Amino acid sequence: MEKTIRILLAEDDVNLGSLLRQYLEAKGYSTDLFNDGEKATDGFRAGVYDICILDIMMPKKDGFAVASDIRAINTTIPIIFLTAKNLKEDVLTGFKIGADDYITKPFNMEELLLRIEAVLRRSGAMETESVSIYKLGKYSFDCNKQQLQFENDEPEKLTTKENDLLRLLCVNINKVLERNYALKQIWDDDNYFNARSMDVYITKLRKKLSNDPTIEILNIHGKGYKLIVGEETV
């Protein structure tokens, strides 16, 4: 079963925003619409999304400010700017903040859809659920069966939380898994107690993977964790 992609859409034009949300949901995307920048920022903090589509000219907080807030929380989530502004300076500002694409109004709905799909493919979000078995050094991890196996040993059954956390680490292998993103994906809330709980599960996973010295789960201070699979150092 394919993963449902969740989109955060920030657009202050009521008619255009409603039309875009209806179109994207008709194409199979779960879409939350926010009509000003402050609501969009609050919505991102409260939810879990795979991509953000931000209008630039919005009340209370413009799209650039919203994107900066989002990048402070999650450095990797794709962002597309959607705006009537087409000045070179605005385009450059958007990309400096960390935009993945930029489309100006008026635009064709199909073109926007193709750009969304292209950005999602580059980010890996569309392929997240297609892999069920991961090869980690001398380990094999089957996330559908919730099993971790070392070489020819008997498979070890993982708890649901262990399984979900290891899957997210595998999806982001050799990249930083954002702490808040993982908490919202697995625990639905990034509060202090859930964060401490996740630290415990990280420790458990390190122990379960300890038979292969080429595998590490690193703490990335202020950001999250990184699953490294490489050569053993002597």
C-alpha atoms as a PDB file:
ATOM      1  CA  MET A   1       0.000   0.000   0.000  1.00  0.00           C
ATOM      2  CA  GLU A   2       1.414   3.380  -1.031  1.00  0.00           C
ATOM      3  CA  LYS A   3       2.029   6.113   1.470  1.00  0.00           C
ATOM      4  CA  THR A   4      -0.398   9.056   1.437  1.00  0.00           C
ATOM      5  CA  ILE A   5       1.586  12.227   0.815  1.00  0.00           C
ATOM      6  CA  ARG A   6       0.638  15.099   3.112  1.00  0.00           C
ATOM      7  CA  ILE A   7       0.856  18.660   1.783  1.00  0.00           C
ATOM      8  CA  LEU A   8       0.888  21.900   3.742  1.00  0.00           C
ATOM      9  CA  LEU A   9      -0.642  24.571   1.490  1.00  0.00           C
ATOM     10  CA  ALA A  10      -0.427  28.242   2.516  1.00  0.00           C
ATOM     11  CA  GLU A  11      -2.484  30.555   0.285  1.00  0.00           C
ATOM     12  CA  ASP A  12      -4.420  33.644   1.367  1.00  0.00           C
ATOM     13  CA  ASP A  13      -6.601  33.828  -1.760  1.00  0.00           C
ATOM     14  CA  VAL A  14      -9.692  31.957  -0.547  1.00  0.00           C
ATOM     15  CA  ASN A  15     -10.902  30.916  -3.993  1.00  0.00           C
ATOM     16  CA  LEU A  16      -7.496  29.818  -5.302  1.00  0.00           C
ATOM     17  CA  GLY A  17      -6.631  28.051  -2.058  1.00  0.00           C
ATOM     18  CA  SER A  18      -9.891  26.109  -2.058  1.00  0.00           C
ATOM     19  CA  LEU A  19      -9.478  25.210  -5.729  1.00  0.00           C
ATOM     20  CA  LEU A  20      -5.903  24.012  -5.183  1.00  0.00           C
ATOM     21  CA  ARG A  21      -6.825  21.912  -2.170  1.00  0.00           C
ATOM     22  CA  GLN A  22      -9.698  20.251  -4.037  1.00  0.00           C
ATOM     23  CA  TYR A  23      -7.473  19.552  -7.047  1.00  0.00           C
ATOM     24  CA  LEU A  24      -4.619  18.087  -4.974  1.00  0.00           C
ATOM     25  CA  GLU A  25      -6.958  15.933  -2.887  1.00  0.00           C
ATOM     26  CA  ALA A  26      -8.588  14.667  -6.105  1.00  0.00           C
ATOM     27  CA  LYS A  27      -5.088  13.562  -7.143  1.00  0.00           C
ATOM     28  CA  GLY A  28      -4.662  11.581  -3.930  1.00  0.00           C
ATOM     29  CA  TYR A  29      -2.748  14.086  -1.776  1.00  0.00           C
ATOM     30  CA  SER A  30      -3.880  14.864   1.770  1.00  0.00           C
ATOM     31  CA  THR A  31      -3.841  18.672   1.850  1.00  0.00           C
ATOM     32  CA  ASP A  32      -4.183  21.112   4.759  1.00  0.00           C
ATOM     33  CA  LEU A  33      -4.915  24.712   3.751  1.00  0.00           C
ATOM     34  CA  PHE A  34      -3.867  27.756   5.800  1.00  0.00           C
ATOM     35  CA  ASN A  35      -4.817  31.307   4.785  1.00  0.00           C
ATOM     36  CA  ASP A  36      -2.105  33.303   6.550  1.00  0.00           C
ATOM     37  CA  GLY A  37       1.543  32.864   7.458  1.00  0.00           C
ATOM     38  CA  GLU A  38       1.108  32.532  11.206  1.00  0.00           C
ATOM     39  CA  LYS A  39      -1.483  29.772  10.823  1.00  0.00           C
ATOM     40  CA  ALA A  40       0.796  28.000   8.338  1.00  0.00           C
ATOM     41  CA  THR A  41       3.731  28.061  10.770  1.00  0.00           C
ATOM     42  CA  ASP A  42       1.559  26.833  13.658  1.00  0.00           C
ATOM     43  CA  GLY A  43       0.096  24.156  11.391  1.00  0.00           C
ATOM     44  CA  PHE A  44       3.542  22.881  10.449  1.00  0.00           C
ATOM     45  CA  ARG A  45       4.573  22.662  14.092  1.00  0.00           C
ATOM     46  CA  ALA A  46       1.434  20.685  14.930  1.00  0.00           C
ATOM     47  CA  GLY A  47       1.360  18.343  11.938  1.00  0.00           C
ATOM     48  CA  VAL A  48       3.490  15.981   9.882  1.00  0.00           C
ATOM     49  CA  TYR A  49       3.996  16.862   6.213  1.00  0.00           C
ATOM     50  CA  ASP A  50       5.949  15.641   3.215  1.00  0.00           C
ATOM     51  CA  ILE A  51       6.024  18.920   1.254  1.00  0.00           C
ATOM     52  CA  CYS A  52       5.064  22.596   1.731  1.00  0.00           C
ATOM     53  CA  ILE A  53       3.583  24.892  -0.915  1.00  0.00           C
ATOM     54  CA  LEU A  54       3.814  28.515   0.202  1.00  0.00           C
ATOM     55  CA  ASP A  55       2.420  31.693  -1.273  1.00  0.00           C
ATOM     56  CA  ILE A  56       4.784  34.621  -0.669  1.00  0.00           C
ATOM     57  CA  MET A  57       2.381  37.531  -0.260  1.00  0.00           C
ATOM     58  CA  MET A  58       0.359  36.549   2.818  1.00  0.00           C
ATOM     59  CA  PRO A  59      -0.982  38.521   5.813  1.00  0.00           C
ATOM     60  CA  LYS A  60       0.673  38.383   9.265  1.00  0.00           C
ATOM     61  CA  LYS A  61       3.759  36.556   7.971  1.00  0.00           C
ATOM     62  CA  ASP A  62       4.962  36.243   4.377  1.00  0.00           C
ATOM     63  CA  GLY A  63       6.036  33.028   2.677  1.00  0.00           C
ATOM     64  CA  PHE A  64       9.744  33.744   3.095  1.00  0.00           C
ATOM     65  CA  ALA A  65       9.308  34.092   6.875  1.00  0.00           C
ATOM     66  CA  VAL A  66       7.206  30.912   7.007  1.00  0.00           C
ATOM     67  CA  ALA A  67       9.860  29.029   5.032  1.00  0.00           C
ATOM     68  CA  SER A  68      12.552  30.250   7.426  1.00  0.00           C
ATOM     69  CA  ASP A  69      10.481  29.019  10.387  1.00  0.00           C
ATOM     70  CA  ILE A  70       9.980  25.654   8.693  1.00  0.00           C
ATOM     71  CA  ARG A  71      13.690  25.326   7.887  1.00  0.00           C
ATOM     72  CA  ALA A  72      14.501  25.965  11.556  1.00  0.00           C
ATOM     73  CA  ILE A  73      12.352  22.937  12.427  1.00  0.00           C
ATOM     74  CA  ASN A  74      13.068  20.653   9.469  1.00  0.00           C
ATOM     75  CA  THR A  75      16.029  21.277   7.164  1.00  0.00           C
ATOM     76  CA  THR A  76      15.078  18.737   4.509  1.00  0.00           C
ATOM     77  CA  ILE A  77      11.333  18.963   3.845  1.00  0.00           C
ATOM     78  CA  PRO A  78      10.679  20.148   0.252  1.00  0.00           C
ATOM     79  CA  ILE A  79       9.311  23.675  -0.207  1.00  0.00           C
ATOM     80  CA  ILE A  80       7.712  25.126  -3.343  1.00  0.00           C
ATOM     81  CA  PHE A  81       6.969  28.852  -3.511  1.00  0.00           C
ATOM     82  CA  LEU A  82       3.722  29.784  -5.232  1.00  0.00           C
ATOM     83  CA  THR A  83       3.438  33.510  -5.993  1.00  0.00           C
ATOM     84  CA  ALA A  84       2.585  36.279  -8.398  1.00  0.00           C
ATOM     85  CA  LYS A  85       6.016  37.810  -7.811  1.00  0.00           C
ATOM     86  CA  ASN A  86       8.565  36.991 -10.491  1.00  0.00           C
ATOM     87  CA  LEU A  87      11.387  39.415  -9.808  1.00  0.00           C
ATOM     88  CA  LYS A  88      14.852  37.879  -9.959  1.00  0.00           C
ATOM     89  CA  GLU A  89      15.584  39.082  -6.419  1.00  0.00           C
ATOM     90  CA  ASP A  90      12.537  37.234  -5.060  1.00  0.00           C
ATOM     91  CA  VAL A  91      13.511  34.029  -6.833  1.00  0.00           C
ATOM     92  CA  LEU A  92      17.036  34.248  -5.410  1.00  0.00           C
ATOM     93  CA  THR A  93      15.695  34.981  -1.915  1.00  0.00           C
ATOM     94  CA  GLY A  94      13.470  31.922  -2.126  1.00  0.00           C
ATOM     95  CA  PHE A  95      16.290  29.618  -3.142  1.00  0.00           C
ATOM     96  CA  LYS A  96      18.649  31.053  -0.516  1.00  0.00           C
ATOM     97  CA  ILE A  97      16.092  30.207   2.162  1.00  0.00           C
ATOM     98  CA  GLY A  98      16.007  26.656   0.839  1.00  0.00           C
ATOM     99  CA  ALA A  99      13.199  26.431  -1.711  1.00  0.00           C
ATOM    100  CA  ASP A 100      13.166  23.376  -3.964  1.00  0.00           C
ATOM    101  CA  ASP A 101      11.099  25.025  -6.700  1.00  0.00           C
ATOM    102  CA  TYR A 102       9.349  28.265  -7.571  1.00  0.00           C
ATOM    103  CA  ILE A 103       6.240  28.740  -9.734  1.00  0.00           C
ATOM    104  CA  THR A 104       4.569  32.045 -10.622  1.00  0.00           C
ATOM    105  CA  LYS A 105       0.887  32.855 -11.043  1.00  0.00           C
ATOM    106  CA  PRO A 106      -1.015  32.365 -13.227  1.00  0.00           C
ATOM    107  CA  PHE A 107      -0.028  28.734 -13.663  1.00  0.00           C
ATOM    108  CA  ASN A 108      -1.402  25.502 -15.046  1.00  0.00           C
ATOM    109  CA  MET A 109      -2.643  23.057 -12.403  1.00  0.00           C
ATOM    110  CA  GLU A 110      -1.047  20.137 -14.219  1.00  0.00           C
ATOM    111  CA  GLU A 111       2.306  21.948 -14.282  1.00  0.00           C
ATOM    112  CA  LEU A 112       2.123  22.442 -10.512  1.00  0.00           C
ATOM    113  CA  LEU A 113       1.293  18.758 -10.054  1.00  0.00           C
ATOM    114  CA  LEU A 114       4.276  17.710 -12.185  1.00  0.00           C
ATOM    115  CA  ARG A 115       6.573  19.997 -10.202  1.00  0.00           C
ATOM    116  CA  ILE A 116       5.283  18.563  -6.909  1.00  0.00           C
ATOM    117  CA  GLU A 117       5.880  15.011  -8.146  1.00  0.00           C
ATOM    118  CA  ALA A 118       9.387  15.884  -9.369  1.00  0.00           C
ATOM    119  CA  VAL A 119      10.356  17.449  -6.026  1.00  0.00           C
ATOM    120  CA  LEU A 120       8.915  14.491  -4.095  1.00  0.00           C
ATOM    121  CA  ARG A 121      10.868  12.036  -6.222  1.00  0.00           C
ATOM    122  CA  ARG A 122      14.096  13.941  -5.616  1.00  0.00           C
ATOM    123  CA  SER A 123      13.440  14.024  -1.876  1.00  0.00           C
ATOM    124  CA  GLY A 124      12.622  10.320  -1.752  1.00  0.00           C
ATOM    125  CA  ALA A 125       9.201  10.902  -0.175  1.00  0.00           C
ATOM    126  CA  MET A 126       7.331   9.034  -2.910  1.00  0.00           C
ATOM    127  CA  GLU A 127       9.489   5.937  -2.533  1.00  0.00           C
ATOM    128  CA  THR A 128       9.438   5.764   1.275  1.00  0.00           C
ATOM    129  CA  GLU A 129       6.916   2.917   1.524  1.00  0.00           C
ATOM    130  CA  SER A 130       8.102   0.921  -1.504  1.00  0.00           C
ATOM    131  CA  VAL A 131      11.011  -0.716   0.357  1.00  0.00           C
ATOM    132  CA  SER A 132      10.210  -3.369   2.976  1.00  0.00           C
ATOM    133  CA  ILE A 133      13.598  -5.111   3.428  1.00  0.00           C
ATOM    134  CA  TYR A 134      16.778  -3.157   4.176  1.00  0.00           C
ATOM    135  CA  LYS A 135      20.327  -4.524   4.120  1.00  0.00           C
ATOM    136  CA  LEU A 136      22.379  -2.984   6.921  1.00  0.00           C
ATOM    137  CA  GLY A 137      25.893  -4.387   6.869  1.00  0.00           C
ATOM    138  CA  LYS A 138      25.560  -7.930   8.231  1.00  0.00           C
ATOM    139  CA  TYR A 139      21.950  -7.319   9.238  1.00  0.00           C
ATOM    140  CA  SER A 140      18.720  -7.716   7.317  1.00  0.00           C
ATOM    141  CA  PHE A 141      15.757  -5.617   8.460  1.00  0.00           C
ATOM    142  CA  ASP A 142      12.236  -6.544   7.338  1.00  0.00           C
ATOM    143  CA  CYS A 143      10.002  -3.663   8.399  1.00  0.00           C
ATOM    144  CA  ASN A 144       6.792  -5.417   7.286  1.00  0.00           C
ATOM    145  CA  LYS A 145       7.486  -8.423   9.526  1.00  0.00           C
ATOM    146  CA  GLN A 146       9.127  -6.257  12.237  1.00  0.00           C
ATOM    147  CA  GLN A 147      12.183  -8.503  12.192  1.00  0.00           C
ATOM    148  CA  LEU A 148      15.912  -7.790  12.467  1.00  0.00           C
ATOM    149  CA  GLN A 149      18.290 -10.620  11.540  1.00  0.00           C
ATOM    150  CA  PHE A 150      22.068 -10.824  11.998  1.00  0.00           C
ATOM    151  CA  GLU A 151      23.710 -13.020   9.344  1.00  0.00           C
ATOM    152  CA  ASN A 152      22.310 -16.563   9.742  1.00  0.00           C
ATOM    153  CA  ASP A 153      20.977 -16.107  13.280  1.00  0.00           C
ATOM    154  CA  GLU A 154      17.302 -16.425  14.088  1.00  0.00           C
ATOM    155  CA  PRO A 155      15.350 -13.206  13.302  1.00  0.00           C
ATOM    156  CA  GLU A 156      14.638 -10.991  16.303  1.00  0.00           C
ATOM    157  CA  LYS A 157      11.145  -9.555  16.645  1.00  0.00           C
ATOM    158  CA  LEU A 158      11.072  -5.781  17.129  1.00  0.00           C
ATOM    159  CA  THR A 159       8.458  -3.788  18.998  1.00  0.00           C
ATOM    160  CA  THR A 160       6.309  -1.466  16.909  1.00  0.00           C
ATOM    161  CA  LYS A 161       8.169   1.632  18.124  1.00  0.00           C
ATOM    162  CA  GLU A 162      11.581   0.002  17.495  1.00  0.00           C
ATOM    163  CA  ASN A 163      10.436  -1.027  14.037  1.00  0.00           C
ATOM    164  CA  ASP A 164       9.040   2.386  13.094  1.00  0.00           C
ATOM    165  CA  LEU A 165      12.104   4.220  14.352  1.00  0.00           C
ATOM    166  CA  LEU A 166      14.554   1.905  12.579  1.00  0.00           C
ATOM    167  CA  ARG A 167      12.533   2.228   9.355  1.00  0.00           C
ATOM    168  CA  LEU A 168      12.778   6.029   9.497  1.00  0.00           C
ATOM    169  CA  LEU A 169      16.523   5.766  10.106  1.00  0.00           C
ATOM    170  CA  CYS A 170      16.851   3.413   7.122  1.00  0.00           C
ATOM    171  CA  VAL A 171      14.846   5.708   4.860  1.00  0.00           C
ATOM    172  CA  ASN A 172      17.286   8.486   5.822  1.00  0.00           C
ATOM    173  CA  ILE A 173      20.422   6.310   5.901  1.00  0.00           C
ATOM    174  CA  ASN A 174      23.634   8.376   6.050  1.00  0.00           C
ATOM    175  CA  LYS A 175      21.454  11.503   6.396  1.00  0.00           C
ATOM    176  CA  VAL A 176      20.127  13.317   9.455  1.00  0.00           C
ATOM    177  CA  LEU A 177      16.754  12.123  10.700  1.00  0.00           C
ATOM    178  CA  GLU A 178      15.183  15.246  12.180  1.00  0.00           C
ATOM    179  CA  ARG A 179      14.268  14.662  15.817  1.00  0.00           C
ATOM    180  CA  ASN A 180      10.944  16.523  15.735  1.00  0.00           C
ATOM    181  CA  TYR A 181       9.930  14.865  12.485  1.00  0.00           C
ATOM    182  CA  ALA A 182      10.548  11.378  13.937  1.00  0.00           C
ATOM    183  CA  LEU A 183       8.622  12.231  17.105  1.00  0.00           C
ATOM    184  CA  LYS A 184       5.596  13.444  15.168  1.00  0.00           C
ATOM    185  CA  GLN A 185       5.697  10.472  12.807  1.00  0.00           C
ATOM    186  CA  ILE A 186       5.903   7.834  15.544  1.00  0.00           C
ATOM    187  CA  TRP A 187       4.537   9.439  18.730  1.00  0.00           C
ATOM    188  CA  ASP A 188       2.322  12.145  17.140  1.00  0.00           C
ATOM    189  CA  ASP A 189       3.794  14.699  19.560  1.00  0.00           C
ATOM    190  CA  ASP A 190       7.292  16.098  20.134  1.00  0.00           C
ATOM    191  CA  ASN A 191       6.890  16.783  23.865  1.00  0.00           C
ATOM    192  CA  TYR A 192       9.630  16.200  26.450  1.00  0.00           C
ATOM    193  CA  PHE A 193       8.425  12.796  27.619  1.00  0.00           C
ATOM    194  CA  ASN A 194       8.149  11.378  24.101  1.00  0.00           C
ATOM    195  CA  ALA A 195      11.609  12.742  23.328  1.00  0.00           C
ATOM    196  CA  ARG A 196      13.055  10.900  26.340  1.00  0.00           C
ATOM    197  CA  SER A 197      11.219   7.770  25.241  1.00  0.00           C
ATOM    198  CA  MET A 198      12.748   8.008  21.775  1.00  0.00           C
ATOM    199  CA  ASP A 199      16.232   8.296  23.321  1.00  0.00           C
ATOM    200  CA  VAL A 200      15.575   4.997  25.099  1.00  0.00           C
ATOM    201  CA  TYR A 201      14.561   3.311  21.840  1.00  0.00           C
ATOM    202  CA  ILE A 202      17.661   4.665  20.093  1.00  0.00           C
ATOM    203  CA  THR A 203      19.779   3.066  22.829  1.00  0.00           C
ATOM    204  CA  LYS A 204      17.930  -0.232  22.336  1.00  0.00           C
ATOM    205  CA  LEU A 205      18.504  -0.141  18.580  1.00  0.00           C
ATOM    206  CA  ARG A 206      22.215   0.553  19.066  1.00  0.00           C
ATOM    207  CA  LYS A 207      22.443  -2.544  21.240  1.00  0.00           C
ATOM    208  CA  LYS A 208      20.526  -4.680  18.733  1.00  0.00           C
ATOM    209  CA  LEU A 209      22.861  -3.559  15.917  1.00  0.00           C
ATOM    210  CA  SER A 210      26.060  -3.841  17.962  1.00  0.00           C
ATOM    211  CA  ASN A 211      27.227  -7.130  16.395  1.00  0.00           C
ATOM    212  CA  ASP A 212      28.296  -5.215  13.291  1.00  0.00           C
ATOM    213  CA  PRO A 213      30.908  -2.522  14.116  1.00  0.00           C
ATOM    214  CA  THR A 214      30.385  -0.832  10.719  1.00  0.00           C
ATOM    215  CA  ILE A 215      26.935   0.346  11.864  1.00  0.00           C
ATOM    216  CA  GLU A 216      26.465   3.441  14.033  1.00  0.00           C
ATOM    217  CA  ILE A 217      23.533   5.575  15.114  1.00  0.00           C
ATOM    218  CA  LEU A 218      25.002   9.002  15.775  1.00  0.00           C
ATOM    219  CA  ASN A 219      23.530  11.799  17.877  1.00  0.00           C
ATOM    220  CA  ILE A 220      23.562  14.997  15.811  1.00  0.00           C
ATOM    221  CA  HIS A 221      23.426  17.743  18.429  1.00  0.00           C
ATOM    222  CA  GLY A 222      20.384  19.978  18.129  1.00  0.00           C
ATOM    223  CA  LYS A 223      19.059  18.135  15.091  1.00  0.00           C
ATOM    224  CA  GLY A 224      18.473  14.406  15.497  1.00  0.00           C
ATOM    225  CA  TYR A 225      20.114  11.131  14.578  1.00  0.00           C
ATOM    226  CA  LYS A 226      22.059   9.662  11.688  1.00  0.00           C
ATOM    227  CA  LEU A 227      22.284   5.968  10.811  1.00  0.00           C
ATOM    228  CA  ILE A 228      25.741   5.313   9.363  1.00  0.00           C
ATOM    229  CA  VAL A 229      26.618   2.079   7.569  1.00  0.00           C
ATOM    230  CA  GLY A 230      30.221   2.023   6.395  1.00  0.00           C
ATOM    231  CA  GLU A 231      33.623   0.437   6.763  1.00  0.00           C
ATOM    232  CA  GLU A 232      34.907  -0.639  10.169  1.00  0.00           C
ATOM    233  CA  THR A 233      37.567   1.686  11.502  1.00  0.00           C
ATOM    234  CA  VAL A 234      40.645   0.224  13.178  1.00  0.00           C
END
